[in-house]
Protein backbone atom coordinates (compact mmCIF):
# COMPACT_ATOMS: atom_id res chain seq x y z
CA MET A 1 1.36 -34.47 -17.18
CA ARG A 2 1.04 -32.46 -14.25
CA ILE A 3 0.97 -28.63 -14.75
CA TYR A 4 -1.15 -25.72 -12.69
CA VAL A 5 -3.93 -23.57 -13.29
CA ASN A 6 -4.81 -20.71 -11.41
CA GLU A 7 -2.22 -22.53 -8.75
CA LYS A 8 -3.90 -25.76 -8.99
CA PRO A 9 -2.83 -28.96 -10.09
CA VAL A 10 -4.17 -30.28 -12.87
CA VAL A 11 -3.17 -33.35 -14.88
CA VAL A 12 -3.33 -32.79 -19.08
CA ASN A 13 -2.66 -34.37 -22.21
CA GLU A 14 1.25 -33.54 -23.18
CA ARG A 15 0.48 -31.81 -26.57
CA ALA A 16 -1.69 -29.24 -24.31
CA THR A 17 -1.50 -25.86 -24.99
CA ALA A 18 -2.61 -22.83 -22.90
CA PHE A 19 -5.03 -21.61 -25.18
CA GLY A 20 -6.64 -25.31 -25.31
CA ILE A 21 -6.92 -25.38 -21.40
CA ARG A 22 -8.34 -21.75 -21.38
CA ASP A 23 -11.09 -22.75 -23.74
CA PHE A 24 -11.88 -25.98 -21.39
CA VAL A 25 -11.32 -24.63 -18.29
CA LYS A 26 -12.39 -20.88 -18.31
CA LYS A 27 -13.42 -20.52 -22.34
CA ASP A 28 -13.74 -16.42 -20.79
CA ALA A 29 -10.65 -15.86 -19.77
CA ASP A 30 -8.83 -13.00 -21.89
CA ILE A 31 -6.14 -12.86 -19.62
CA VAL A 32 -3.48 -16.00 -20.10
CA VAL A 33 -0.65 -15.91 -17.96
CA LEU A 34 1.98 -18.28 -18.47
CA ASN A 35 4.73 -18.79 -16.09
CA GLY A 36 4.71 -15.17 -15.49
CA PHE A 37 3.79 -13.43 -19.22
CA ILE A 38 0.72 -12.56 -20.56
CA LEU A 39 0.58 -14.50 -23.62
CA ARG A 40 -0.60 -12.98 -27.41
CA GLU A 41 -0.42 -16.49 -29.00
CA ASP A 42 -0.90 -19.82 -27.98
CA ALA A 43 2.21 -21.84 -26.39
CA PRO A 44 2.38 -25.29 -25.63
CA LEU A 45 2.77 -26.65 -22.01
CA LYS A 46 5.32 -28.40 -20.27
CA LYS A 47 5.47 -30.01 -17.26
CA ASP A 48 5.05 -28.25 -13.94
CA ASP A 49 3.88 -25.20 -16.07
CA ARG A 50 2.08 -22.56 -14.34
CA LEU A 51 -1.30 -21.35 -16.18
CA THR A 52 -3.43 -18.22 -14.82
CA LEU A 53 -6.58 -17.50 -16.32
CA ILE A 54 -8.03 -13.84 -15.56
CA ILE A 55 -11.50 -12.77 -16.71
CA ARG A 56 -10.77 -8.88 -16.76
CA GLY A 57 -13.06 -7.15 -14.56
CA GLU A 58 -14.21 -10.19 -12.48
CA ILE A 59 -13.93 -9.90 -9.11
CA PRO A 60 -12.51 -13.58 -7.88
CA ASN A 61 -13.59 -15.37 -5.00
CA GLU A 62 -11.17 -15.86 -1.95
CA GLU A 63 -10.14 -19.01 -3.19
CA GLU A 64 -8.62 -17.89 -6.62
CA LEU A 65 -7.76 -14.36 -5.37
CA GLU A 66 -4.35 -15.11 -3.97
CA ALA A 67 -3.14 -17.51 -7.23
CA LEU A 68 -4.26 -14.34 -9.33
CA LEU A 69 -2.09 -11.68 -7.16
CA VAL A 70 0.46 -13.39 -8.14
CA ALA A 71 -0.27 -14.40 -11.60
CA ARG A 72 3.36 -12.42 -12.82
CA HIS A 73 5.47 -13.57 -10.66
CA THR A 74 8.64 -16.27 -12.10
CA PRO A 75 7.52 -19.67 -11.31
CA GLY A 76 8.85 -21.08 -7.82
CA VAL A 77 8.75 -17.58 -6.28
CA HIS A 78 5.80 -17.76 -4.43
CA GLU A 79 6.65 -20.81 -2.58
CA LYS A 80 9.32 -19.45 -1.11
CA VAL A 81 8.06 -15.90 -0.46
CA LYS A 82 5.03 -17.24 1.31
CA LYS A 83 7.24 -19.31 3.82
CA ALA A 84 9.57 -16.20 4.56
CA CYS A 85 8.91 -13.75 7.65
CA VAL A 86 10.38 -9.91 7.43
CA GLY A 87 10.11 -7.30 10.10
CA ILE A 88 10.26 -3.63 9.42
CA ALA A 89 11.89 -1.08 11.72
CA GLY A 90 9.86 2.39 11.26
CA LEU A 91 7.15 2.97 8.86
CA GLY A 92 8.01 6.24 7.66
CA GLY A 93 9.14 7.16 3.81
CA LEU A 94 10.97 3.91 3.50
CA GLY A 95 9.02 1.67 5.62
CA SER A 96 5.33 2.29 4.31
CA ASN A 97 7.02 1.87 0.70
CA ILE A 98 8.66 -1.14 1.73
CA ALA A 99 5.80 -2.70 3.42
CA VAL A 100 3.81 -1.97 0.06
CA SER A 101 6.26 -3.95 -2.09
CA LEU A 102 6.70 -7.00 0.09
CA ALA A 103 2.79 -7.08 0.39
CA ARG A 104 2.65 -7.16 -3.33
CA LEU A 105 5.30 -10.04 -3.57
CA GLY A 106 3.13 -11.56 -0.96
CA ILE A 107 5.48 -12.05 1.94
CA GLY A 108 4.17 -14.76 4.67
CA LYS A 109 4.42 -12.32 7.52
CA LEU A 110 5.38 -8.86 8.16
CA ILE A 111 6.11 -7.64 11.70
CA LEU A 112 5.97 -3.87 11.34
CA ILE A 113 7.10 -1.56 14.20
CA ASP A 114 6.92 2.15 14.79
CA PHE A 115 5.23 4.52 17.58
CA ASP A 116 4.48 7.72 15.47
CA VAL A 117 1.46 9.02 13.94
CA VAL A 118 0.42 9.63 10.43
CA GLU A 119 0.50 13.61 9.92
CA PRO A 120 0.15 15.84 6.94
CA SER A 121 3.56 16.32 5.96
CA ASN A 122 4.03 12.66 5.58
CA LEU A 123 1.97 12.32 2.59
CA ASN A 124 4.87 13.59 0.25
CA ARG A 125 6.42 10.42 0.46
CA GLN A 126 4.53 8.13 2.63
CA GLN A 127 2.04 5.07 1.52
CA TYR A 128 -0.38 6.86 3.65
CA PHE A 129 -3.81 8.74 2.20
CA THR A 130 -5.45 11.73 3.87
CA LYS A 131 -7.59 9.86 5.47
CA HIS A 132 -4.92 8.19 7.93
CA ILE A 133 -3.77 11.50 9.36
CA GLY A 134 -4.07 11.33 13.16
CA MET A 135 -3.90 7.24 12.81
CA LYS A 136 -1.40 5.57 14.71
CA LYS A 137 1.38 4.56 11.49
CA THR A 138 1.14 0.46 12.73
CA GLU A 139 -2.83 0.86 12.17
CA ALA A 140 -2.77 2.78 8.86
CA ILE A 141 -0.45 0.82 7.16
CA LYS A 142 -2.24 -2.78 8.15
CA ASP A 143 -5.25 -0.72 6.32
CA VAL A 144 -3.34 -0.15 3.40
CA LEU A 145 -1.89 -3.51 2.78
CA LYS A 146 -4.99 -5.50 3.63
CA ASN A 147 -6.52 -3.58 0.41
CA ILE A 148 -3.09 -4.68 -1.45
CA ASN A 149 -2.96 -8.21 -0.24
CA PRO A 150 -4.98 -9.89 2.83
CA PHE A 151 -3.17 -12.94 2.55
CA VAL A 152 -0.41 -11.52 4.23
CA ASP A 153 -0.22 -11.92 8.22
CA ILE A 154 0.33 -9.07 9.56
CA GLU A 155 1.88 -8.16 13.24
CA SER A 156 2.40 -4.39 14.42
CA LYS A 157 4.18 -3.17 17.52
CA ASP A 158 3.45 0.38 18.55
CA LEU A 159 6.16 1.22 20.35
CA TYR A 160 9.71 3.26 20.11
CA LEU A 161 12.60 0.66 19.39
CA ASP A 162 16.07 1.03 21.48
CA GLU A 163 18.60 -1.39 22.45
CA ASN A 164 16.23 -2.74 25.13
CA ASN A 165 13.79 -4.07 23.05
CA ILE A 166 14.99 -4.56 19.66
CA LYS A 167 16.15 -8.16 20.59
CA ASP A 168 12.32 -9.44 22.10
CA CYS A 169 10.78 -7.74 18.75
CA PHE A 170 12.81 -9.47 15.71
CA GLU A 171 13.30 -12.73 17.80
CA ASP A 172 11.38 -14.64 14.76
CA VAL A 173 12.06 -12.62 11.74
CA ASP A 174 13.84 -13.86 9.07
CA ILE A 175 15.07 -10.75 7.41
CA ILE A 176 15.27 -7.09 9.31
CA VAL A 177 14.75 -4.02 7.72
CA GLU A 178 16.02 -0.65 8.87
CA ALA A 179 13.83 2.29 8.08
CA PHE A 180 14.19 4.80 10.56
CA ASP A 181 14.99 8.67 9.87
CA ASP A 182 16.84 9.34 12.79
CA PRO A 183 20.76 8.63 11.96
CA THR A 184 21.40 7.51 15.68
CA CYS A 185 18.21 4.81 15.87
CA LYS A 186 19.76 3.54 12.20
CA ALA A 187 23.12 3.07 13.99
CA THR A 188 21.92 0.99 17.04
CA LEU A 189 19.32 -1.03 15.42
CA VAL A 190 22.46 -2.17 13.06
CA ASN A 191 24.56 -2.24 15.79
CA THR A 192 21.78 -4.65 18.11
CA VAL A 193 21.46 -6.94 15.19
CA LEU A 194 24.59 -7.55 14.14
CA SER A 195 25.93 -8.72 17.64
CA LYS A 196 22.68 -10.22 19.20
CA PHE A 197 21.55 -11.95 15.76
CA PRO A 198 24.99 -12.53 13.75
CA LYS A 199 22.72 -15.15 11.59
CA LYS A 200 20.18 -12.66 10.85
CA TYR A 201 20.29 -10.62 8.05
CA ILE A 202 19.63 -6.88 8.18
CA VAL A 203 18.46 -4.53 5.27
CA ALA A 204 19.60 -0.56 5.80
CA ALA A 205 19.51 2.30 4.48
CA SER A 206 21.22 5.76 4.09
CA GLY A 207 21.35 9.09 1.77
CA MET A 208 18.17 9.11 0.04
CA ALA A 209 17.26 13.25 0.47
CA GLY A 210 16.87 15.83 -2.32
CA TYR A 211 16.58 15.10 -6.04
CA PHE A 212 19.74 14.15 -6.57
CA SER A 213 20.63 11.48 -9.53
CA ASN A 214 18.64 8.61 -9.14
CA ASN A 215 21.69 6.51 -10.28
CA THR A 216 23.88 7.03 -7.21
CA ILE A 217 21.65 5.03 -4.84
CA LYS A 218 22.95 1.79 -4.80
CA THR A 219 22.62 -1.43 -2.80
CA LYS A 220 25.85 -2.24 -1.14
CA ARG A 221 26.96 -5.91 0.78
CA ILE A 222 29.02 -4.63 4.17
CA SER A 223 29.31 -8.09 5.30
CA SER A 224 28.13 -11.43 4.86
CA HIS A 225 24.55 -10.45 6.87
CA PHE A 226 24.61 -6.84 6.54
CA TYR A 227 23.66 -4.42 3.67
CA LEU A 228 23.05 -0.75 3.13
CA VAL A 229 21.39 1.22 0.41
CA GLY A 230 21.55 4.64 -0.15
CA ASP A 231 24.13 6.91 -1.67
CA GLU A 232 25.74 7.30 2.12
CA CYS A 233 26.09 10.96 1.88
CA SER A 234 22.73 13.06 0.59
CA GLU A 235 21.22 13.93 4.03
CA ALA A 236 18.21 15.54 4.72
CA HIS A 237 18.56 19.09 6.54
CA PRO A 238 17.42 22.85 5.80
CA GLY A 239 17.46 23.34 1.62
CA CYS A 240 17.69 19.97 1.43
CA GLY A 241 14.19 17.68 1.84
CA LEU A 242 12.88 14.25 1.93
CA MET A 243 10.81 13.74 -1.59
CA ALA A 244 8.87 10.48 -3.24
CA PRO A 245 10.76 9.57 -5.84
CA ARG A 246 14.64 8.97 -4.32
CA VAL A 247 13.18 7.96 -1.07
CA ALA A 248 10.74 5.09 -3.11
CA ILE A 249 13.83 4.13 -4.92
CA ALA A 250 16.08 3.75 -2.01
CA ALA A 251 12.93 1.65 -0.18
CA ASN A 252 12.43 -0.53 -3.45
CA HIS A 253 16.02 -1.20 -3.10
CA GLN A 254 15.86 -2.66 -0.16
CA ALA A 255 12.58 -4.64 -1.02
CA ASN A 256 14.42 -6.35 -3.51
CA MET A 257 17.27 -7.11 -1.25
CA VAL A 258 14.88 -8.91 0.98
CA LEU A 259 13.73 -11.02 -2.02
CA ARG A 260 16.79 -11.92 -3.57
CA ILE A 261 17.59 -12.61 0.62
CA VAL A 262 14.56 -15.13 0.25
CA LEU A 263 15.37 -16.60 -3.05
CA GLU A 264 19.03 -17.05 -1.82
CA GLU A 265 20.53 -14.51 -4.24
CA TYR A 266 22.92 -13.17 -1.86
CA GLU A 267 25.43 -11.38 -4.29
CA ILE A 268 24.55 -8.01 -5.27
């Protein structure tokens, strides 16, 4: 029968077991992952199982690396995720966190758009480091993502999005993610996408400021192709700032909704 070992097809005996294949293929492997789950004891294998063999501390070659990066994924996920193209409008607290999560998922292509530079007050919630201060966010985030998953195709656009360029920028993407700070920019992007791209999905956010309850941040399906994340009321203002925990919670709601759309799981 056919199974996959580190994502390569291999024909094995129908009585083969995970540890038996490990001992034959890579006997020094001390992490054995079967269909996304780390095994503590041996298990029989079935047709089309995904078996990943890892040696702790070993730096894999480029051929192996991508398979090992997605070893903990549920079977069948990576094939779909790898084909997806996602556009992110804004690379601040929401956008940089979303980009990191999607890169870790192994999204095939990211189109990343922002016009700003990294400055010190960004570091309390955005996925940048002190070395990035003064860099364009489009360049800084590419540096971050390439150190997470070098197999993601990244296209960046250093520009200010408005109703005149939104259509051209997102013509080729499957899903658009709104990640702006400014409410007017949020509304412009959402309204333009819904009118110009009625068949594309957009995932937006509103209300993640402060240190209020985690549980008020929700994902809602507003219409067939429009999802909104947040509590819809916690706007940043003097005395109520933006901080990493709630911003990251909202960003990962958005990233998870993107994943669900890619996997054709459209319901909340």
